[in-house]
Amino acid sequence: MSVHRRPLRVPALPVLAAVLALAGCAPGDSEARVEPPPTPPADVAGFCAALHKELPETVAGLARAKALPESDLTAAWGGSAIVLRCGVPKPPEMADPKQDGVEVNGVRWLLQKLPDSAGGGFRFITGLRLAYTEVRVDAEHSTDAGMLVGLSAVVARTVPEGISSY
């Protein structure tokens, strides 16, 4: 008895679609959904635009991702591993002297541990600057001590010291 085998035929279109989908997952092509903060006053938006132009291409070894929707108020690295939003309103936690903080390259940051239900990680918000900038870091990348170094240097150059009324 002879067994006749037919060659396996896979429709070309689904294979091509799968290859293109995988190619779109390459680290350099990553995207992140980042909701911009409510529209800040013009002076704050100006500081944020200056910050946005100076942001580094990598943070903590992660490449800059495309933040959607595109805005001068947002940025991301490593997909959504590190997300920045500039021009956020002053958080009420800034008034609490018991809140933890850290200073990096002359920039003070309010430090908040995010609950596990929100994915863990940390939220940092600049203080004593004319535009508040928020950086969220996922749990996997929150242990990189140098993560705020480059971002702090750019904030120090582009967002003047002071107390924002926003």
C-alpha atoms as a PDB file:
ATOM      1  CA  MET A   1       0.000   0.000   0.000  1.00  0.00           C
ATOM      2  CA  SER A   2       1.388   3.309  -0.961  1.00  0.00           C
ATOM      3  CA  VAL A   3       0.862   6.469   1.019  1.00  0.00           C
ATOM      4  CA  HIS A   4       0.493   9.543  -1.046  1.00  0.00           C
ATOM      5  CA  ARG A   5       1.552  12.737   0.683  1.00  0.00           C
ATOM      6  CA  ARG A   6       0.547  16.110  -0.504  1.00  0.00           C
ATOM      7  CA  PRO A   7       2.749  19.083   0.175  1.00  0.00           C
ATOM      8  CA  LEU A   8       1.428  21.271   2.923  1.00  0.00           C
ATOM      9  CA  ARG A   9       0.021  24.419   1.463  1.00  0.00           C
ATOM     10  CA  VAL A  10      -0.400  27.445   3.630  1.00  0.00           C
ATOM     11  CA  PRO A  11      -2.325  30.354   2.195  1.00  0.00           C
ATOM     12  CA  ALA A  12       0.139  33.169   1.508  1.00  0.00           C
ATOM     13  CA  LEU A  13      -1.956  36.043   2.834  1.00  0.00           C
ATOM     14  CA  PRO A  14      -2.290  34.817   6.459  1.00  0.00           C
ATOM     15  CA  VAL A  15       1.428  33.954   6.579  1.00  0.00           C
ATOM     16  CA  LEU A  16       2.349  37.371   5.241  1.00  0.00           C
ATOM     17  CA  ALA A  17       0.037  39.037   7.765  1.00  0.00           C
ATOM     18  CA  ALA A  18       1.634  37.091  10.631  1.00  0.00           C
ATOM     19  CA  VAL A  19       5.162  38.005   9.521  1.00  0.00           C
ATOM     20  CA  LEU A  20       4.236  41.680   9.256  1.00  0.00           C
ATOM     21  CA  ALA A  21       2.573  41.613  12.659  1.00  0.00           C
ATOM     22  CA  LEU A  22       5.679  40.144  14.248  1.00  0.00           C
ATOM     23  CA  ALA A  23       7.878  42.664  12.484  1.00  0.00           C
ATOM     24  CA  GLY A  24       5.720  45.414  13.976  1.00  0.00           C
ATOM     25  CA  CYS A  25       6.610  44.145  17.441  1.00  0.00           C
ATOM     26  CA  ALA A  26      10.281  44.993  17.054  1.00  0.00           C
ATOM     27  CA  PRO A  27      11.563  47.048  20.006  1.00  0.00           C
ATOM     28  CA  GLY A  28      12.387  50.082  17.877  1.00  0.00           C
ATOM     29  CA  ASP A  29       8.847  50.255  16.536  1.00  0.00           C
ATOM     30  CA  SER A  30       6.993  50.137  19.847  1.00  0.00           C
ATOM     31  CA  GLU A  31       4.057  52.361  20.689  1.00  0.00           C
ATOM     32  CA  ALA A  32       2.422  53.337  23.942  1.00  0.00           C
ATOM     33  CA  ARG A  33      -0.994  54.752  24.717  1.00  0.00           C
ATOM     34  CA  VAL A  34      -0.325  57.816  26.888  1.00  0.00           C
ATOM     35  CA  GLU A  35      -3.247  60.012  27.825  1.00  0.00           C
ATOM     36  CA  PRO A  36      -2.122  63.662  27.797  1.00  0.00           C
ATOM     37  CA  PRO A  37      -3.001  65.685  30.888  1.00  0.00           C
ATOM     38  CA  PRO A  38      -5.762  68.289  30.646  1.00  0.00           C
ATOM     39  CA  THR A  39      -4.596  71.251  28.560  1.00  0.00           C
ATOM     40  CA  PRO A  40      -2.282  73.290  30.798  1.00  0.00           C
ATOM     41  CA  PRO A  41      -1.915  77.091  30.713  1.00  0.00           C
ATOM     42  CA  ALA A  42       0.173  78.473  27.810  1.00  0.00           C
ATOM     43  CA  ASP A  43       3.312  79.089  29.890  1.00  0.00           C
ATOM     44  CA  VAL A  44       3.265  75.541  31.267  1.00  0.00           C
ATOM     45  CA  ALA A  45       2.640  74.114  27.783  1.00  0.00           C
ATOM     46  CA  GLY A  46       5.653  76.111  26.542  1.00  0.00           C
ATOM     47  CA  PHE A  47       7.930  74.576  29.170  1.00  0.00           C
ATOM     48  CA  CYS A  48       6.583  71.136  28.269  1.00  0.00           C
ATOM     49  CA  ALA A  49       7.257  71.708  24.561  1.00  0.00           C
ATOM     50  CA  ALA A  50      10.855  72.698  25.385  1.00  0.00           C
ATOM     51  CA  LEU A  51      11.216  69.583  27.556  1.00  0.00           C
ATOM     52  CA  HIS A  52       9.751  67.362  24.830  1.00  0.00           C
ATOM     53  CA  LYS A  53      12.315  68.584  22.261  1.00  0.00           C
ATOM     54  CA  GLU A  54      15.213  67.709  24.595  1.00  0.00           C
ATOM     55  CA  LEU A  55      14.062  64.282  25.844  1.00  0.00           C
ATOM     56  CA  PRO A  56      16.630  61.493  25.383  1.00  0.00           C
ATOM     57  CA  GLU A  57      16.253  58.680  22.854  1.00  0.00           C
ATOM     58  CA  THR A  58      16.918  56.094  25.581  1.00  0.00           C
ATOM     59  CA  VAL A  59      16.065  55.911  29.275  1.00  0.00           C
ATOM     60  CA  ALA A  60      17.314  53.034  31.423  1.00  0.00           C
ATOM     61  CA  GLY A  61      18.466  51.304  28.227  1.00  0.00           C
ATOM     62  CA  LEU A  62      14.965  51.462  26.714  1.00  0.00           C
ATOM     63  CA  ALA A  63      14.399  53.052  23.306  1.00  0.00           C
ATOM     64  CA  ARG A  64      11.955  55.884  22.826  1.00  0.00           C
ATOM     65  CA  ALA A  65       8.517  54.654  21.807  1.00  0.00           C
ATOM     66  CA  LYS A  66       5.837  56.460  19.867  1.00  0.00           C
ATOM     67  CA  ALA A  67       3.352  57.930  22.347  1.00  0.00           C
ATOM     68  CA  LEU A  68      -0.216  57.938  21.057  1.00  0.00           C
ATOM     69  CA  PRO A  69      -1.932  60.276  20.708  1.00  0.00           C
ATOM     70  CA  GLU A  70       1.082  62.386  19.703  1.00  0.00           C
ATOM     71  CA  SER A  71       1.554  65.355  22.014  1.00  0.00           C
ATOM     72  CA  ASP A  72       4.277  67.676  23.316  1.00  0.00           C
ATOM     73  CA  LEU A  73       2.946  66.745  26.760  1.00  0.00           C
ATOM     74  CA  THR A  74       3.797  63.024  26.583  1.00  0.00           C
ATOM     75  CA  ALA A  75       6.631  60.593  25.878  1.00  0.00           C
ATOM     76  CA  ALA A  76       7.378  56.903  26.424  1.00  0.00           C
ATOM     77  CA  TRP A  77      10.296  54.475  26.410  1.00  0.00           C
ATOM     78  CA  GLY A  78      10.235  50.703  26.040  1.00  0.00           C
ATOM     79  CA  GLY A  79       6.604  50.709  24.957  1.00  0.00           C
ATOM     80  CA  SER A  80       4.828  51.757  28.129  1.00  0.00           C
ATOM     81  CA  ALA A  81       7.584  50.688  30.569  1.00  0.00           C
ATOM     82  CA  ILE A  82       8.454  54.339  31.253  1.00  0.00           C
ATOM     83  CA  VAL A  83       5.861  57.021  30.525  1.00  0.00           C
ATOM     84  CA  LEU A  84       6.229  60.790  30.929  1.00  0.00           C
ATOM     85  CA  ARG A  85       3.440  63.375  31.096  1.00  0.00           C
ATOM     86  CA  CYS A  86       4.312  67.060  31.397  1.00  0.00           C
ATOM     87  CA  GLY A  87       1.888  69.751  32.524  1.00  0.00           C
ATOM     88  CA  VAL A  88      -0.024  67.647  35.002  1.00  0.00           C
ATOM     89  CA  PRO A  89      -1.951  69.599  37.651  1.00  0.00           C
ATOM     90  CA  LYS A  90      -0.303  69.944  41.063  1.00  0.00           C
ATOM     91  CA  PRO A  91      -1.006  66.702  42.920  1.00  0.00           C
ATOM     92  CA  PRO A  92      -2.567  67.110  46.375  1.00  0.00           C
ATOM     93  CA  GLU A  93       0.183  64.852  47.789  1.00  0.00           C
ATOM     94  CA  MET A  94       2.651  67.732  47.276  1.00  0.00           C
ATOM     95  CA  ALA A  95       1.170  69.413  50.354  1.00  0.00           C
ATOM     96  CA  ASP A  96       1.886  66.382  52.586  1.00  0.00           C
ATOM     97  CA  PRO A  97       5.297  66.768  54.306  1.00  0.00           C
ATOM     98  CA  LYS A  98       5.302  63.033  55.070  1.00  0.00           C
ATOM     99  CA  GLN A  99       5.454  62.081  51.373  1.00  0.00           C
ATOM    100  CA  ASP A 100       8.675  60.448  50.211  1.00  0.00           C
ATOM    101  CA  GLY A 101      10.878  62.277  47.776  1.00  0.00           C
ATOM    102  CA  VAL A 102      14.221  62.110  46.067  1.00  0.00           C
ATOM    103  CA  GLU A 103      16.529  64.691  44.489  1.00  0.00           C
ATOM    104  CA  VAL A 104      18.362  63.805  41.275  1.00  0.00           C
ATOM    105  CA  ASN A 105      20.619  66.247  39.410  1.00  0.00           C
ATOM    106  CA  GLY A 106      19.065  69.209  41.225  1.00  0.00           C
ATOM    107  CA  VAL A 107      15.479  68.166  40.484  1.00  0.00           C
ATOM    108  CA  ARG A 108      13.187  67.167  43.326  1.00  0.00           C
ATOM    109  CA  TRP A 109      10.760  64.340  42.706  1.00  0.00           C
ATOM    110  CA  LEU A 110       7.774  63.231  44.772  1.00  0.00           C
ATOM    111  CA  LEU A 111       7.962  59.431  44.989  1.00  0.00           C
ATOM    112  CA  GLN A 112       4.895  57.189  45.149  1.00  0.00           C
ATOM    113  CA  LYS A 113       4.762  53.405  45.041  1.00  0.00           C
ATOM    114  CA  LEU A 114       1.923  52.301  42.801  1.00  0.00           C
ATOM    115  CA  PRO A 115      -0.384  49.562  44.082  1.00  0.00           C
ATOM    116  CA  ASP A 116      -0.028  46.063  42.691  1.00  0.00           C
ATOM    117  CA  SER A 117      -3.574  46.389  41.343  1.00  0.00           C
ATOM    118  CA  ALA A 118      -2.231  49.167  39.077  1.00  0.00           C
ATOM    119  CA  GLY A 119       0.681  47.011  37.916  1.00  0.00           C
ATOM    120  CA  GLY A 120       3.118  48.081  40.621  1.00  0.00           C
ATOM    121  CA  GLY A 121       6.091  50.263  39.872  1.00  0.00           C
ATOM    122  CA  PHE A 122       6.501  53.901  40.817  1.00  0.00           C
ATOM    123  CA  ARG A 123       5.193  57.358  40.019  1.00  0.00           C
ATOM    124  CA  PHE A 124       7.552  60.325  40.246  1.00  0.00           C
ATOM    125  CA  ILE A 125       6.382  63.969  40.007  1.00  0.00           C
ATOM    126  CA  THR A 126       8.696  66.973  39.869  1.00  0.00           C
ATOM    127  CA  GLY A 127       8.407  69.564  42.588  1.00  0.00           C
ATOM    128  CA  LEU A 128       9.427  73.217  42.741  1.00  0.00           C
ATOM    129  CA  ARG A 129       9.290  73.591  38.938  1.00  0.00           C
ATOM    130  CA  LEU A 130       7.047  75.852  36.843  1.00  0.00           C
ATOM    131  CA  ALA A 131       5.554  72.769  35.146  1.00  0.00           C
ATOM    132  CA  TYR A 132       4.825  69.531  36.983  1.00  0.00           C
ATOM    133  CA  THR A 133       6.162  66.471  35.182  1.00  0.00           C
ATOM    134  CA  GLU A 134       5.011  62.946  36.003  1.00  0.00           C
ATOM    135  CA  VAL A 135       7.035  59.823  35.200  1.00  0.00           C
ATOM    136  CA  ARG A 136       5.515  56.367  35.679  1.00  0.00           C
ATOM    137  CA  VAL A 137       7.800  53.353  35.686  1.00  0.00           C
ATOM    138  CA  ASP A 138       6.547  49.774  35.563  1.00  0.00           C
ATOM    139  CA  ALA A 139       7.566  47.276  38.243  1.00  0.00           C
ATOM    140  CA  GLU A 140      10.127  45.554  36.016  1.00  0.00           C
ATOM    141  CA  HIS A 141      12.128  48.740  35.382  1.00  0.00           C
ATOM    142  CA  SER A 142      11.599  50.515  38.713  1.00  0.00           C
ATOM    143  CA  THR A 143      14.813  49.104  40.193  1.00  0.00           C
ATOM    144  CA  ASP A 144      17.064  50.942  37.697  1.00  0.00           C
ATOM    145  CA  ALA A 145      18.602  53.638  39.919  1.00  0.00           C
ATOM    146  CA  GLY A 146      19.822  55.653  36.932  1.00  0.00           C
ATOM    147  CA  MET A 147      16.393  55.942  35.361  1.00  0.00           C
ATOM    148  CA  LEU A 148      15.794  59.517  36.564  1.00  0.00           C
ATOM    149  CA  VAL A 149      19.325  60.775  35.887  1.00  0.00           C
ATOM    150  CA  GLY A 150      18.880  61.684  32.224  1.00  0.00           C
ATOM    151  CA  LEU A 151      15.318  62.866  32.677  1.00  0.00           C
ATOM    152  CA  SER A 152      16.304  65.099  35.600  1.00  0.00           C
ATOM    153  CA  ALA A 153      19.082  66.729  33.583  1.00  0.00           C
ATOM    154  CA  VAL A 154      16.615  67.615  30.813  1.00  0.00           C
ATOM    155  CA  VAL A 155      13.996  68.896  33.283  1.00  0.00           C
ATOM    156  CA  ALA A 156      16.647  71.068  34.960  1.00  0.00           C
ATOM    157  CA  ARG A 157      17.583  72.614  31.565  1.00  0.00           C
ATOM    158  CA  THR A 158      14.072  73.213  30.230  1.00  0.00           C
ATOM    159  CA  VAL A 159      11.652  73.757  33.119  1.00  0.00           C
ATOM    160  CA  PRO A 160      12.621  76.668  35.399  1.00  0.00           C
ATOM    161  CA  GLU A 161      12.546  76.367  39.159  1.00  0.00           C
ATOM    162  CA  GLY A 162       9.593  77.922  40.927  1.00  0.00           C
ATOM    163  CA  ILE A 163       6.180  77.075  42.240  1.00  0.00           C
ATOM    164  CA  SER A 164       3.595  76.451  39.556  1.00  0.00           C
ATOM    165  CA  SER A 165       0.158  77.870  40.179  1.00  0.00           C
ATOM    166  CA  TYR A 166      -1.319  75.147  37.984  1.00  0.00           C
END
